[in-house]
Amino acid sequence: MKKNILFLFIFVASLNLFSFPINDYDFHLAELQISPITAAMGGLNVISIKDPFAVYQNPAILGEVKQSVFSISFKMKNKEDQNITDIINAGNILKEKQISFINLSAKKAGFSFQPLVSIHEKSNYFVSNVQYQDYIDYKLNSYQVSGGFDKNEISWGFTAKFLSGRLIYLKEKQIESTELFNIDSFIDDNSKGFSFDLGFIYTKSNIKYGLVFYDLFSHLYWKNNPNRTLTKRFAFGTGYSSNGYDLTAGIDGKLNKNSNSQYHFGIAKNVLTDENPNNPKSLDFRAGVYSHDFKNEDDIFTSFGVGYFIKIFKIDCSVTSFGMNSENNSYLISTSIAM
């Protein structure tokens, strides 16, 4: 199942070269979704303004924003017994509870902060009966500015990201026939970089179509290691709204021949609406599912969520199950304030 909970941070530890380079950067995965609204509806939203974190999903949605909203989301994840390699490869980048996204969306513009990576772990393991100890402290943050525009039936938008991070990595090797360890390799490095997202939306009556490209142009500059680019991704989706129902469907993947695309389906139902201007209220239930091919039970992700709005406050939560028979769940909760 771990291969399905991808963060695609592949750390290649070469014992002979004493190196621990980061070889891939894949951040825009459904498994790493920051919004409980979108997570509950199958992990993909490229058309709906009802999500206050829409700037993360598709900056073109900003073209439809009429009111300023401040939002913050938190991610909570079940604890698992994992070594350092498992933690990185499985994408467990967040602690049991941690800020996932902070966003201020206004008319035509948005400002956001996202901790892309936050790892602080120590592990012990054996290679050919030799014990090793790994310590890693790795953080990478994204500071984002977004703009959205609309004309007639078409909206478009962009997100410009400034990246800043630091990696500290220590590997120790046990001295034979002792309980002492020698330093096998050590890295202390800083990184700066940039990235751009580009999105579009076409609206026709109650149906919308959205297309977005994530990290389309990017570069991450390490001070003492080779520079890297972020993994380019795309997402295409459509949605239909009527009589309190929202139905969505979409696909996302990498911008290359081996995209390993995922297919997403979601539904939401508004069961309570009180439009009293002095005390407006709304209650929504959401559900979704996504997978690469819906053939393997361990590759089918299910999600559920609920959202409640009263006056200017909105609270949403979701739970995503990684595999039909899995007890490994991801929980998101967010709060938003309209201004």
C-alpha atoms as a PDB file:
ATOM      1  CA  MET A   1       0.000   0.000   0.000  1.00  0.00           C
ATOM      2  CA  LYS A   2       2.912   2.327   0.650  1.00  0.00           C
ATOM      3  CA  LYS A   3       3.579   2.638  -3.053  1.00  0.00           C
ATOM      4  CA  ASN A   4       0.093   4.152  -3.355  1.00  0.00           C
ATOM      5  CA  ILE A   5       0.557   6.770  -0.621  1.00  0.00           C
ATOM      6  CA  LEU A   6       3.084   8.510  -2.792  1.00  0.00           C
ATOM      7  CA  PHE A   7       4.888  11.657  -1.950  1.00  0.00           C
ATOM      8  CA  LEU A   8       7.493  10.603  -4.520  1.00  0.00           C
ATOM      9  CA  PHE A   9      10.357  11.912  -2.485  1.00  0.00           C
ATOM     10  CA  ILE A  10      12.943   9.285  -3.508  1.00  0.00           C
ATOM     11  CA  PHE A  11      15.955   9.564  -1.244  1.00  0.00           C
ATOM     12  CA  VAL A  12      18.799   7.509  -2.809  1.00  0.00           C
ATOM     13  CA  ALA A  13      21.358   6.704  -0.126  1.00  0.00           C
ATOM     14  CA  SER A  14      24.655   5.699  -1.690  1.00  0.00           C
ATOM     15  CA  LEU A  15      26.917   4.137   0.924  1.00  0.00           C
ATOM     16  CA  ASN A  16      29.968   4.348  -1.301  1.00  0.00           C
ATOM     17  CA  LEU A  17      29.506   7.983  -2.262  1.00  0.00           C
ATOM     18  CA  PHE A  18      28.304   9.033   1.181  1.00  0.00           C
ATOM     19  CA  SER A  19      25.440  10.950  -0.401  1.00  0.00           C
ATOM     20  CA  PHE A  20      21.742  11.359   0.270  1.00  0.00           C
ATOM     21  CA  PRO A  21      20.407  13.426  -2.635  1.00  0.00           C
ATOM     22  CA  ILE A  22      16.730  14.248  -3.133  1.00  0.00           C
ATOM     23  CA  ASN A  23      15.916  13.059  -6.604  1.00  0.00           C
ATOM     24  CA  ASP A  24      12.248  13.870  -7.147  1.00  0.00           C
ATOM     25  CA  TYR A  25       9.777  16.544  -6.033  1.00  0.00           C
ATOM     26  CA  ASP A  26       6.121  15.660  -6.517  1.00  0.00           C
ATOM     27  CA  PHE A  27       3.919  17.877  -4.358  1.00  0.00           C
ATOM     28  CA  HIS A  28       0.487  18.102  -5.974  1.00  0.00           C
ATOM     29  CA  LEU A  29      -0.898  14.652  -5.158  1.00  0.00           C
ATOM     30  CA  ALA A  30      -4.443  13.853  -4.066  1.00  0.00           C
ATOM     31  CA  GLU A  31      -2.967  11.988  -1.095  1.00  0.00           C
ATOM     32  CA  LEU A  32      -1.434  15.304   0.024  1.00  0.00           C
ATOM     33  CA  GLN A  33      -4.630  17.323  -0.411  1.00  0.00           C
ATOM     34  CA  ILE A  34      -4.809  20.358   1.898  1.00  0.00           C
ATOM     35  CA  SER A  35      -8.550  21.105   1.665  1.00  0.00           C
ATOM     36  CA  PRO A  36     -11.138  18.991   3.528  1.00  0.00           C
ATOM     37  CA  ILE A  37     -13.795  20.122   1.038  1.00  0.00           C
ATOM     38  CA  THR A  38     -11.904  18.806  -1.981  1.00  0.00           C
ATOM     39  CA  ALA A  39     -10.501  15.796  -0.094  1.00  0.00           C
ATOM     40  CA  ALA A  40     -14.037  14.686   0.836  1.00  0.00           C
ATOM     41  CA  MET A  41     -15.132  14.860  -2.816  1.00  0.00           C
ATOM     42  CA  GLY A  42     -12.505  12.505  -4.211  1.00  0.00           C
ATOM     43  CA  GLY A  43      -9.377  14.654  -3.888  1.00  0.00           C
ATOM     44  CA  LEU A  44      -9.808  16.815  -7.014  1.00  0.00           C
ATOM     45  CA  ASN A  45     -11.488  20.185  -7.580  1.00  0.00           C
ATOM     46  CA  VAL A  46     -10.606  22.435 -10.493  1.00  0.00           C
ATOM     47  CA  ILE A  47     -13.935  24.239 -10.949  1.00  0.00           C
ATOM     48  CA  SER A  48     -15.761  24.958  -7.657  1.00  0.00           C
ATOM     49  CA  ILE A  49     -15.655  28.310  -5.877  1.00  0.00           C
ATOM     50  CA  LYS A  50     -17.366  26.692  -2.860  1.00  0.00           C
ATOM     51  CA  ASP A  51     -13.939  25.592  -1.618  1.00  0.00           C
ATOM     52  CA  PRO A  52     -12.194  28.504   0.193  1.00  0.00           C
ATOM     53  CA  PHE A  53      -8.878  26.806  -0.664  1.00  0.00           C
ATOM     54  CA  ALA A  54      -9.704  26.934  -4.374  1.00  0.00           C
ATOM     55  CA  VAL A  55      -6.554  28.953  -5.094  1.00  0.00           C
ATOM     56  CA  TYR A  56      -4.558  25.786  -4.336  1.00  0.00           C
ATOM     57  CA  GLN A  57      -6.742  23.693  -6.645  1.00  0.00           C
ATOM     58  CA  ASN A  58      -6.994  26.077  -9.622  1.00  0.00           C
ATOM     59  CA  PRO A  59      -6.040  29.787  -9.504  1.00  0.00           C
ATOM     60  CA  ALA A  60      -8.580  30.486 -12.273  1.00  0.00           C
ATOM     61  CA  ILE A  61     -11.323  30.126  -9.630  1.00  0.00           C
ATOM     62  CA  LEU A  62     -10.134  33.459  -8.203  1.00  0.00           C
ATOM     63  CA  GLY A  63     -11.718  35.110 -11.218  1.00  0.00           C
ATOM     64  CA  GLU A  64     -15.113  34.314  -9.667  1.00  0.00           C
ATOM     65  CA  VAL A  65     -14.332  35.373  -6.075  1.00  0.00           C
ATOM     66  CA  LYS A  66     -16.515  38.251  -4.863  1.00  0.00           C
ATOM     67  CA  GLN A  67     -15.718  38.238  -1.138  1.00  0.00           C
ATOM     68  CA  SER A  68     -12.505  38.130   0.901  1.00  0.00           C
ATOM     69  CA  VAL A  69     -12.026  34.935   2.925  1.00  0.00           C
ATOM     70  CA  PHE A  70      -9.298  33.916   5.380  1.00  0.00           C
ATOM     71  CA  SER A  71      -8.827  30.139   5.730  1.00  0.00           C
ATOM     72  CA  ILE A  72      -6.542  27.751   7.546  1.00  0.00           C
ATOM     73  CA  SER A  73      -6.429  23.950   7.392  1.00  0.00           C
ATOM     74  CA  PHE A  74      -4.816  21.280   9.553  1.00  0.00           C
ATOM     75  CA  LYS A  75      -3.844  17.731   8.698  1.00  0.00           C
ATOM     76  CA  MET A  76      -3.852  14.885  11.191  1.00  0.00           C
ATOM     77  CA  LYS A  77      -2.608  11.379  10.404  1.00  0.00           C
ATOM     78  CA  ASN A  78      -2.520   8.054  12.204  1.00  0.00           C
ATOM     79  CA  LYS A  79       0.844   7.185  13.679  1.00  0.00           C
ATOM     80  CA  GLU A  80       2.667   4.236  12.178  1.00  0.00           C
ATOM     81  CA  ASP A  81       5.877   2.410  13.022  1.00  0.00           C
ATOM     82  CA  GLN A  82       8.127   3.382  10.133  1.00  0.00           C
ATOM     83  CA  ASN A  83      11.826   3.882   9.554  1.00  0.00           C
ATOM     84  CA  ILE A  84      13.260   6.939   7.835  1.00  0.00           C
ATOM     85  CA  THR A  85      12.927   5.497   4.317  1.00  0.00           C
ATOM     86  CA  ASP A  86       9.296   4.500   4.889  1.00  0.00           C
ATOM     87  CA  ILE A  87       8.448   7.949   6.194  1.00  0.00           C
ATOM     88  CA  ILE A  88       9.856   9.711   3.160  1.00  0.00           C
ATOM     89  CA  ASN A  89       8.624   7.323   0.497  1.00  0.00           C
ATOM     90  CA  ALA A  90       5.144   7.098   1.988  1.00  0.00           C
ATOM     91  CA  GLY A  91       4.759  10.837   2.031  1.00  0.00           C
ATOM     92  CA  ASN A  92       4.163  11.153   5.772  1.00  0.00           C
ATOM     93  CA  ILE A  93       5.411  14.704   5.690  1.00  0.00           C
ATOM     94  CA  LEU A  94       3.133  16.015   8.383  1.00  0.00           C
ATOM     95  CA  LYS A  95       3.160  15.317  12.066  1.00  0.00           C
ATOM     96  CA  GLU A  96       0.132  14.019  13.922  1.00  0.00           C
ATOM     97  CA  LYS A  97      -1.297  17.520  13.736  1.00  0.00           C
ATOM     98  CA  GLN A  98       0.145  20.371  11.741  1.00  0.00           C
ATOM     99  CA  ILE A  99      -0.837  23.401   9.720  1.00  0.00           C
ATOM    100  CA  SER A 100      -1.419  22.317   6.153  1.00  0.00           C
ATOM    101  CA  PHE A 101      -2.335  25.577   4.389  1.00  0.00           C
ATOM    102  CA  ILE A 102      -3.011  29.243   5.200  1.00  0.00           C
ATOM    103  CA  ASN A 103      -4.814  31.345   2.627  1.00  0.00           C
ATOM    104  CA  LEU A 104      -6.277  34.788   2.138  1.00  0.00           C
ATOM    105  CA  SER A 105      -8.440  35.018  -0.974  1.00  0.00           C
ATOM    106  CA  ALA A 106      -9.837  38.302  -2.209  1.00  0.00           C
ATOM    107  CA  LYS A 107     -11.443  39.487  -5.414  1.00  0.00           C
ATOM    108  CA  LYS A 108      -9.063  38.498  -8.238  1.00  0.00           C
ATOM    109  CA  ALA A 109      -6.131  37.819  -5.852  1.00  0.00           C
ATOM    110  CA  GLY A 110      -4.882  35.351  -3.260  1.00  0.00           C
ATOM    111  CA  PHE A 111      -1.973  35.047  -0.818  1.00  0.00           C
ATOM    112  CA  SER A 112      -0.991  31.694   0.681  1.00  0.00           C
ATOM    113  CA  PHE A 113       1.541  29.836   2.798  1.00  0.00           C
ATOM    114  CA  GLN A 114       2.109  26.083   2.567  1.00  0.00           C
ATOM    115  CA  PRO A 115       4.606  23.917   4.453  1.00  0.00           C
ATOM    116  CA  LEU A 116       5.401  21.514   1.616  1.00  0.00           C
ATOM    117  CA  VAL A 117       7.695  19.325   3.710  1.00  0.00           C
ATOM    118  CA  SER A 118       8.214  19.081   7.458  1.00  0.00           C
ATOM    119  CA  ILE A 119      10.210  16.047   8.604  1.00  0.00           C
ATOM    120  CA  HIS A 120      12.079  15.592  11.870  1.00  0.00           C
ATOM    121  CA  GLU A 121      12.860  11.919  12.398  1.00  0.00           C
ATOM    122  CA  LYS A 122      15.478   9.467  13.669  1.00  0.00           C
ATOM    123  CA  SER A 123      15.669   5.770  12.751  1.00  0.00           C
ATOM    124  CA  ASN A 124      17.817   2.665  13.221  1.00  0.00           C
ATOM    125  CA  TYR A 125      18.245  -0.129  10.682  1.00  0.00           C
ATOM    126  CA  PHE A 126      20.642  -2.887   9.567  1.00  0.00           C
ATOM    127  CA  VAL A 127      22.453  -3.390   6.263  1.00  0.00           C
ATOM    128  CA  SER A 128      24.403  -6.664   5.921  1.00  0.00           C
ATOM    129  CA  ASN A 129      24.298  -7.101   9.717  1.00  0.00           C
ATOM    130  CA  VAL A 130      25.774  -3.633  10.228  1.00  0.00           C
ATOM    131  CA  GLN A 131      23.665  -1.170  12.234  1.00  0.00           C
ATOM    132  CA  TYR A 132      23.078   2.373  10.954  1.00  0.00           C
ATOM    133  CA  GLN A 133      21.408   5.415  12.481  1.00  0.00           C
ATOM    134  CA  ASP A 134      19.736   8.096  10.388  1.00  0.00           C
ATOM    135  CA  TYR A 135      18.694  11.557  11.498  1.00  0.00           C
ATOM    136  CA  ILE A 136      16.878  13.930   9.158  1.00  0.00           C
ATOM    137  CA  ASP A 137      15.517  17.436   9.641  1.00  0.00           C
ATOM    138  CA  TYR A 138      14.021  18.673   6.382  1.00  0.00           C
ATOM    139  CA  LYS A 139      11.710  21.623   5.792  1.00  0.00           C
ATOM    140  CA  LEU A 140      10.510  23.209   2.568  1.00  0.00           C
ATOM    141  CA  ASN A 141       7.990  26.068   2.584  1.00  0.00           C
ATOM    142  CA  SER A 142       6.059  27.711  -0.232  1.00  0.00           C
ATOM    143  CA  TYR A 143       4.977  31.378  -0.197  1.00  0.00           C
ATOM    144  CA  GLN A 144       2.401  32.010  -2.922  1.00  0.00           C
ATOM    145  CA  VAL A 145       0.779  34.908  -4.775  1.00  0.00           C
ATOM    146  CA  SER A 146      -2.157  34.191  -7.097  1.00  0.00           C
ATOM    147  CA  GLY A 147      -4.247  36.147  -9.559  1.00  0.00           C
ATOM    148  CA  GLY A 148      -7.502  35.301 -11.317  1.00  0.00           C
ATOM    149  CA  PHE A 149      -9.377  36.897 -14.188  1.00  0.00           C
ATOM    150  CA  ASP A 150     -12.636  36.245 -16.011  1.00  0.00           C
ATOM    151  CA  LYS A 151     -14.358  37.356 -19.188  1.00  0.00           C
ATOM    152  CA  ASN A 152     -17.730  36.046 -20.264  1.00  0.00           C
ATOM    153  CA  GLU A 153     -17.629  32.236 -19.955  1.00  0.00           C
ATOM    154  CA  ILE A 154     -13.865  31.868 -19.483  1.00  0.00           C
ATOM    155  CA  SER A 155     -11.715  32.329 -16.366  1.00  0.00           C
ATOM    156  CA  TRP A 156      -7.973  31.981 -16.076  1.00  0.00           C
ATOM    157  CA  GLY A 157      -5.395  32.453 -13.344  1.00  0.00           C
ATOM    158  CA  PHE A 158      -1.855  31.875 -12.141  1.00  0.00           C
ATOM    159  CA  THR A 159       0.020  31.144  -8.924  1.00  0.00           C
ATOM    160  CA  ALA A 160       3.622  32.237  -8.407  1.00  0.00           C
ATOM    161  CA  LYS A 161       5.471  30.394  -5.629  1.00  0.00           C
ATOM    162  CA  PHE A 162       8.653  31.263  -3.761  1.00  0.00           C
ATOM    163  CA  LEU A 163      10.297  28.183  -2.205  1.00  0.00           C
ATOM    164  CA  SER A 164      12.624  28.155   0.773  1.00  0.00           C
ATOM    165  CA  GLY A 165      13.990  25.174   2.688  1.00  0.00           C
ATOM    166  CA  ARG A 166      16.773  23.487   4.607  1.00  0.00           C
ATOM    167  CA  LEU A 167      17.990  19.892   4.846  1.00  0.00           C
ATOM    168  CA  ILE A 168      20.095  18.436   7.676  1.00  0.00           C
ATOM    169  CA  TYR A 169      20.943  14.763   7.280  1.00  0.00           C
ATOM    170  CA  LEU A 170      23.264  12.598   9.396  1.00  0.00           C
ATOM    171  CA  LYS A 171      24.068   8.909   8.840  1.00  0.00           C
ATOM    172  CA  GLU A 172      26.080   7.012  11.465  1.00  0.00           C
ATOM    173  CA  LYS A 173      27.579   3.531  11.130  1.00  0.00           C
ATOM    174  CA  GLN A 174      28.193   1.253  14.094  1.00  0.00           C
ATOM    175  CA  ILE A 175      31.812   0.402  14.836  1.00  0.00           C
ATOM    176  CA  GLU A 176      32.279  -3.361  14.675  1.00  0.00           C
ATOM    177  CA  SER A 177      32.119  -5.209  18.046  1.00  0.00           C
ATOM    178  CA  THR A 178      31.254  -1.995  19.907  1.00  0.00           C
ATOM    179  CA  GLU A 179      28.217   0.092  20.738  1.00  0.00           C
ATOM    180  CA  LEU A 180      29.855   3.192  19.262  1.00  0.00           C
ATOM    181  CA  PHE A 181      29.025   4.879  15.949  1.00  0.00           C
ATOM    182  CA  ASN A 182      31.089   6.789  13.409  1.00  0.00           C
ATOM    183  CA  ILE A 183      29.723   9.485  11.101  1.00  0.00           C
ATOM    184  CA  ASP A 184      29.123   7.876   7.726  1.00  0.00           C
ATOM    185  CA  SER A 185      27.797  10.967   5.929  1.00  0.00           C
ATOM    186  CA  PHE A 186      26.524  14.440   6.776  1.00  0.00           C
ATOM    187  CA  ILE A 187      24.598  17.071   4.791  1.00  0.00           C
ATOM    188  CA  ASP A 188      23.603  20.595   5.829  1.00  0.00           C
ATOM    189  CA  ASP A 189      22.184  22.504   2.879  1.00  0.00           C
ATOM    190  CA  ASN A 190      19.767  25.325   2.056  1.00  0.00           C
ATOM    191  CA  SER A 191      17.483  25.723  -0.946  1.00  0.00           C
ATOM    192  CA  LYS A 192      15.644  28.572  -2.690  1.00  0.00           C
ATOM    193  CA  GLY A 193      13.422  28.357  -5.716  1.00  0.00           C
ATOM    194  CA  PHE A 194      10.304  29.275  -7.636  1.00  0.00           C
ATOM    195  CA  SER A 195       7.368  27.626  -9.366  1.00  0.00           C
ATOM    196  CA  PHE A 196       4.269  28.591 -11.356  1.00  0.00           C
ATOM    197  CA  ASP A 197       0.767  27.117 -11.725  1.00  0.00           C
ATOM    198  CA  LEU A 198      -1.571  28.016 -14.586  1.00  0.00           C
ATOM    199  CA  GLY A 199      -5.310  27.295 -14.727  1.00  0.00           C
ATOM    200  CA  PHE A 200      -8.415  27.760 -16.880  1.00  0.00           C
ATOM    201  CA  ILE A 201     -12.195  27.348 -16.435  1.00  0.00           C
ATOM    202  CA  TYR A 202     -15.000  27.293 -19.000  1.00  0.00           C
ATOM    203  CA  THR A 203     -18.569  27.712 -17.761  1.00  0.00           C
ATOM    204  CA  LYS A 204     -21.693  26.747 -19.687  1.00  0.00           C
ATOM    205  CA  SER A 205     -24.929  27.017 -17.727  1.00  0.00           C
ATOM    206  CA  ASN A 206     -24.740  24.559 -14.772  1.00  0.00           C
ATOM    207  CA  ILE A 207     -21.696  22.744 -16.141  1.00  0.00           C
ATOM    208  CA  LYS A 208     -18.070  23.775 -15.689  1.00  0.00           C
ATOM    209  CA  TYR A 209     -14.822  22.464 -17.159  1.00  0.00           C
ATOM    210  CA  GLY A 210     -11.443  23.147 -15.599  1.00  0.00           C
ATOM    211  CA  LEU A 211      -7.842  22.564 -16.661  1.00  0.00           C
ATOM    212  CA  VAL A 212      -4.801  23.371 -14.532  1.00  0.00           C
ATOM    213  CA  PHE A 213      -1.056  22.809 -14.787  1.00  0.00           C
ATOM    214  CA  TYR A 214       0.888  22.536 -11.528  1.00  0.00           C
ATOM    215  CA  ASP A 215       4.571  23.490 -11.203  1.00  0.00           C
ATOM    216  CA  LEU A 216       4.629  24.107 -14.943  1.00  0.00           C
ATOM    217  CA  PHE A 217       7.769  26.242 -14.652  1.00  0.00           C
ATOM    218  CA  SER A 218       9.983  25.629 -11.631  1.00  0.00           C
ATOM    219  CA  HIS A 219      13.516  25.470 -10.300  1.00  0.00           C
ATOM    220  CA  LEU A 220      14.935  24.692  -6.878  1.00  0.00           C
ATOM    221  CA  TYR A 221      18.476  25.874  -6.188  1.00  0.00           C
ATOM    222  CA  TRP A 222      20.480  23.943  -3.588  1.00  0.00           C
ATOM    223  CA  LYS A 223      23.503  25.763  -2.215  1.00  0.00           C
ATOM    224  CA  ASN A 224      25.828  22.743  -2.219  1.00  0.00           C
ATOM    225  CA  ASN A 225      23.952  20.171  -4.304  1.00  0.00           C
ATOM    226  CA  PRO A 226      22.634  19.901  -7.874  1.00  0.00           C
ATOM    227  CA  ASN A 227      19.644  22.106  -8.714  1.00  0.00           C
ATOM    228  CA  ARG A 228      16.280  20.455  -9.321  1.00  0.00           C
ATOM    229  CA  THR A 229      12.889  21.052 -10.938  1.00  0.00           C
ATOM    230  CA  LEU A 230       9.529  20.157  -9.423  1.00  0.00           C
ATOM    231  CA  THR A 231       7.388  17.458 -10.985  1.00  0.00           C
ATOM    232  CA  LYS A 232       5.006  18.924 -13.553  1.00  0.00           C
ATOM    233  CA  ARG A 233       1.394  17.813 -13.175  1.00  0.00           C
ATOM    234  CA  PHE A 234      -1.972  18.455 -14.800  1.00  0.00           C
ATOM    235  CA  ALA A 235      -5.594  18.098 -13.740  1.00  0.00           C
ATOM    236  CA  PHE A 236      -8.759  18.209 -15.809  1.00  0.00           C
ATOM    237  CA  GLY A 237     -12.227  18.068 -14.357  1.00  0.00           C
ATOM    238  CA  THR A 238     -15.880  18.874 -14.844  1.00  0.00           C
ATOM    239  CA  GLY A 239     -18.749  19.547 -12.497  1.00  0.00           C
ATOM    240  CA  TYR A 240     -22.526  19.900 -12.528  1.00  0.00           C
ATOM    241  CA  SER A 241     -24.643  21.717  -9.926  1.00  0.00           C
ATOM    242  CA  SER A 242     -28.426  21.559  -9.517  1.00  0.00           C
ATOM    243  CA  ASN A 243     -31.036  21.373  -6.730  1.00  0.00           C
ATOM    244  CA  GLY A 244     -28.470  21.382  -3.944  1.00  0.00           C
ATOM    245  CA  TYR A 245     -26.319  18.667  -5.533  1.00  0.00           C
ATOM    246  CA  ASP A 246     -22.745  19.061  -6.791  1.00  0.00           C
ATOM    247  CA  LEU A 247     -21.307  16.281  -8.959  1.00  0.00           C
ATOM    248  CA  THR A 248     -17.652  16.254 -10.014  1.00  0.00           C
ATOM    249  CA  ALA A 249     -15.383  14.036 -12.098  1.00  0.00           C
ATOM    250  CA  GLY A 250     -11.794  14.470 -13.185  1.00  0.00           C
ATOM    251  CA  ILE A 251      -8.370  13.103 -13.959  1.00  0.00           C
ATOM    252  CA  ASP A 252      -4.889  14.125 -12.889  1.00  0.00           C
ATOM    253  CA  GLY A 253      -1.376  12.906 -13.623  1.00  0.00           C
ATOM    254  CA  LYS A 254       2.159  13.812 -14.559  1.00  0.00           C
ATOM    255  CA  LEU A 255       2.992  15.720 -17.725  1.00  0.00           C
ATOM    256  CA  ASN A 256       4.895  12.842 -19.295  1.00  0.00           C
ATOM    257  CA  LYS A 257       4.208   9.540 -21.012  1.00  0.00           C
ATOM    258  CA  ASN A 258       4.244   7.582 -17.739  1.00  0.00           C
ATOM    259  CA  SER A 259       1.711   9.801 -15.989  1.00  0.00           C
ATOM    260  CA  ASN A 260       0.110   7.019 -13.896  1.00  0.00           C
ATOM    261  CA  SER A 261      -3.092   9.060 -13.894  1.00  0.00           C
ATOM    262  CA  GLN A 262      -5.770   8.944 -11.211  1.00  0.00           C
ATOM    263  CA  TYR A 263      -9.529   9.194 -11.771  1.00  0.00           C
ATOM    264  CA  HIS A 264     -11.664  11.151  -9.288  1.00  0.00           C
ATOM    265  CA  PHE A 265     -15.411  11.228  -8.593  1.00  0.00           C
ATOM    266  CA  GLY A 266     -17.245  13.260  -5.972  1.00  0.00           C
ATOM    267  CA  ILE A 267     -20.699  14.256  -4.798  1.00  0.00           C
ATOM    268  CA  ALA A 268     -21.960  16.850  -2.328  1.00  0.00           C
ATOM    269  CA  LYS A 269     -25.450  17.526  -1.046  1.00  0.00           C
ATOM    270  CA  ASN A 270     -26.665  20.631   0.720  1.00  0.00           C
ATOM    271  CA  VAL A 271     -29.203  19.454   3.299  1.00  0.00           C
ATOM    272  CA  LEU A 272     -29.796  22.758   5.060  1.00  0.00           C
ATOM    273  CA  THR A 273     -29.901  26.272   3.727  1.00  0.00           C
ATOM    274  CA  ASP A 274     -31.163  29.283   5.659  1.00  0.00           C
ATOM    275  CA  GLU A 275     -30.655  32.486   3.730  1.00  0.00           C
ATOM    276  CA  ASN A 276     -31.816  34.744   6.544  1.00  0.00           C
ATOM    277  CA  PRO A 277     -29.496  37.770   6.125  1.00  0.00           C
ATOM    278  CA  ASN A 278     -29.191  38.099   9.918  1.00  0.00           C
ATOM    279  CA  ASN A 279     -28.295  34.457  10.522  1.00  0.00           C
ATOM    280  CA  PRO A 280     -27.427  32.532   7.321  1.00  0.00           C
ATOM    281  CA  LYS A 281     -26.720  28.817   7.721  1.00  0.00           C
ATOM    282  CA  SER A 282     -25.694  25.927   5.512  1.00  0.00           C
ATOM    283  CA  LEU A 283     -24.905  22.240   6.040  1.00  0.00           C
ATOM    284  CA  ASP A 284     -23.242  20.016   3.420  1.00  0.00           C
ATOM    285  CA  PHE A 285     -22.374  16.329   3.242  1.00  0.00           C
ATOM    286  CA  ARG A 286     -19.719  15.101   0.815  1.00  0.00           C
ATOM    287  CA  ALA A 287     -18.320  11.790  -0.455  1.00  0.00           C
ATOM    288  CA  GLY A 288     -15.834  10.729  -3.090  1.00  0.00           C
ATOM    289  CA  VAL A 289     -13.561   8.056  -4.481  1.00  0.00           C
ATOM    290  CA  TYR A 290     -10.423   7.973  -6.618  1.00  0.00           C
ATOM    291  CA  SER A 291      -7.986   5.407  -7.989  1.00  0.00           C
ATOM    292  CA  HIS A 292      -5.569   4.651 -10.802  1.00  0.00           C
ATOM    293  CA  ASP A 293      -7.746   1.893 -12.278  1.00  0.00           C
ATOM    294  CA  PHE A 294     -10.259   0.752  -9.586  1.00  0.00           C
ATOM    295  CA  LYS A 295      -8.988  -2.822  -9.932  1.00  0.00           C
ATOM    296  CA  ASN A 296      -6.923  -3.267  -6.772  1.00  0.00           C
ATOM    297  CA  GLU A 297      -8.634  -2.704  -3.414  1.00  0.00           C
ATOM    298  CA  ASP A 298      -5.441  -1.230  -1.985  1.00  0.00           C
ATOM    299  CA  ASP A 299      -5.480   1.351  -4.790  1.00  0.00           C
ATOM    300  CA  ILE A 300      -9.021   2.629  -4.172  1.00  0.00           C
ATOM    301  CA  PHE A 301      -9.203   5.718  -1.974  1.00  0.00           C
ATOM    302  CA  THR A 302     -12.535   6.633  -0.363  1.00  0.00           C
ATOM    303  CA  SER A 303     -13.384   9.913   1.327  1.00  0.00           C
ATOM    304  CA  PHE A 304     -16.186  11.501   3.337  1.00  0.00           C
ATOM    305  CA  GLY A 305     -16.751  14.914   4.849  1.00  0.00           C
ATOM    306  CA  VAL A 306     -19.108  17.493   6.259  1.00  0.00           C
ATOM    307  CA  GLY A 307     -19.197  21.284   6.248  1.00  0.00           C
ATOM    308  CA  TYR A 308     -21.173  23.800   8.308  1.00  0.00           C
ATOM    309  CA  PHE A 309     -21.521  27.506   7.665  1.00  0.00           C
ATOM    310  CA  ILE A 310     -23.084  30.069  10.002  1.00  0.00           C
ATOM    311  CA  LYS A 311     -22.958  33.831   9.508  1.00  0.00           C
ATOM    312  CA  ILE A 312     -19.336  34.496   8.506  1.00  0.00           C
ATOM    313  CA  PHE A 313     -17.790  31.280   9.888  1.00  0.00           C
ATOM    314  CA  LYS A 314     -17.282  28.002   8.036  1.00  0.00           C
ATOM    315  CA  ILE A 315     -15.948  24.720   9.432  1.00  0.00           C
ATOM    316  CA  ASP A 316     -15.159  21.677   7.275  1.00  0.00           C
ATOM    317  CA  CYS A 317     -13.676  18.264   7.993  1.00  0.00           C
ATOM    318  CA  SER A 318     -12.887  15.129   6.005  1.00  0.00           C
ATOM    319  CA  VAL A 319     -11.486  11.630   6.329  1.00  0.00           C
ATOM    320  CA  THR A 320      -9.723   9.767   3.530  1.00  0.00           C
ATOM    321  CA  SER A 321      -9.059   6.040   3.677  1.00  0.00           C
ATOM    322  CA  PHE A 322      -5.931   4.884   1.830  1.00  0.00           C
ATOM    323  CA  GLY A 323      -7.183   1.549   0.510  1.00  0.00           C
ATOM    324  CA  MET A 324     -10.538  -0.179   0.920  1.00  0.00           C
ATOM    325  CA  ASN A 325      -9.246  -2.442   3.704  1.00  0.00           C
ATOM    326  CA  SER A 326      -6.879   0.033   5.260  1.00  0.00           C
ATOM    327  CA  GLU A 327      -6.903   1.510   8.733  1.00  0.00           C
ATOM    328  CA  ASN A 328      -4.474   4.157   7.545  1.00  0.00           C
ATOM    329  CA  ASN A 329      -6.617   7.301   7.343  1.00  0.00           C
ATOM    330  CA  SER A 330      -5.864  10.949   6.768  1.00  0.00           C
ATOM    331  CA  TYR A 331      -7.922  13.631   8.518  1.00  0.00           C
ATOM    332  CA  LEU A 332      -8.329  17.272   7.516  1.00  0.00           C
ATOM    333  CA  ILE A 333     -10.091  20.093   9.325  1.00  0.00           C
ATOM    334  CA  SER A 334     -10.355  23.732   8.320  1.00  0.00           C
ATOM    335  CA  THR A 335     -11.941  26.957   9.414  1.00  0.00           C
ATOM    336  CA  SER A 336     -12.735  29.985   7.267  1.00  0.00           C
ATOM    337  CA  ILE A 337     -13.862  33.534   8.008  1.00  0.00           C
ATOM    338  CA  ALA A 338     -15.546  35.747   5.420  1.00  0.00           C
ATOM    339  CA  MET A 339     -14.578  39.413   5.571  1.00  0.00           C
END
